């Protein structure tokens, strides 16, 4: 039979998971900023979200 974790072990694990969550959230927010920045550089159709080329034909 395995031992149940102590309160301190559970608290430490929760803290580790919260730090990991914060790190991942930060990475996701940075990635979203980069996508928005790149989206501003490409001519994207507002309706179908396809990228237009120089002669305005959707690909």
Protein backbone atom coordinates (compact mmCIF):
# COMPACT_ATOMS: atom_id res chain seq x y z
CA UNK A 1 0.00 0.00 0.00
CA UNK A 2 1.35 3.45 -0.85
CA UNK A 3 1.62 6.26 1.64
CA UNK A 4 -0.66 9.24 1.39
CA UNK A 5 1.18 12.52 0.80
CA UNK A 6 1.49 14.90 3.70
CA UNK A 7 -0.15 18.31 3.76
CA UNK A 8 3.26 19.92 3.21
CA UNK A 9 3.94 17.69 0.19
CA UNK A 10 0.56 18.53 -1.28
CA UNK A 11 1.12 22.24 -0.65
CA UNK A 12 4.54 22.05 -2.32
CA UNK A 13 3.04 20.24 -5.34
CA UNK A 14 0.28 22.84 -5.65
CA UNK A 15 2.90 25.61 -5.58
CA UNK A 16 4.94 23.84 -8.26
CA UNK A 17 1.87 23.45 -10.45
CA UNK A 18 0.89 27.10 -9.99
CA UNK A 19 4.39 28.19 -11.03
CA UNK A 20 4.21 25.93 -14.09
CA UNK A 21 0.74 27.32 -14.94
CA UNK A 22 2.05 30.89 -14.66
CA UNK A 23 5.05 30.05 -16.87
CA UNK A 24 2.85 28.43 -19.52
CA UNK A 25 0.38 31.32 -19.41
CA UNK A 26 3.21 33.76 -19.93
CA UNK A 27 4.49 31.77 -22.92
CA UNK A 28 1.00 31.64 -24.38
CA UNK A 29 0.50 35.39 -23.97
CA UNK A 30 3.86 36.05 -25.68
CA UNK A 31 2.91 33.72 -28.55
CA UNK A 32 -0.42 35.52 -28.93
CA UNK A 33 1.35 38.90 -29.08
CA UNK A 34 3.63 37.56 -31.82
CA UNK A 35 0.70 36.15 -33.81
CA UNK A 36 -1.15 39.47 -33.58
CA UNK A 37 1.98 41.31 -34.68
CA UNK A 38 2.45 38.98 -37.66
CA UNK A 39 -1.24 39.20 -38.49
CA UNK A 40 -0.84 42.93 -38.91
CA UNK A 41 1.78 42.35 -41.59
CA UNK A 42 -0.29 40.02 -43.76
CA UNK A 43 -3.35 41.06 -45.78
CA UNK A 44 -5.95 38.68 -44.32
CA UNK A 45 -9.58 38.57 -45.43
CA UNK A 46 -11.81 39.54 -42.50
CA UNK A 47 -14.56 37.18 -43.68
CA UNK A 48 -12.78 33.95 -44.64
CA UNK A 49 -9.41 34.56 -42.88
CA UNK A 50 -7.43 33.60 -45.99
CA UNK A 51 -4.25 35.44 -46.95
CA UNK A 52 -4.47 37.64 -50.05
CA UNK A 53 -1.60 37.86 -52.52
CA UNK A 54 -0.52 41.00 -54.40
CA UNK A 55 -3.31 40.75 -56.94
CA UNK A 56 -5.98 40.33 -54.22
CA UNK A 57 -6.76 36.71 -55.02
CA UNK A 58 -7.39 34.66 -51.95
CA UNK A 59 -5.25 31.57 -51.53
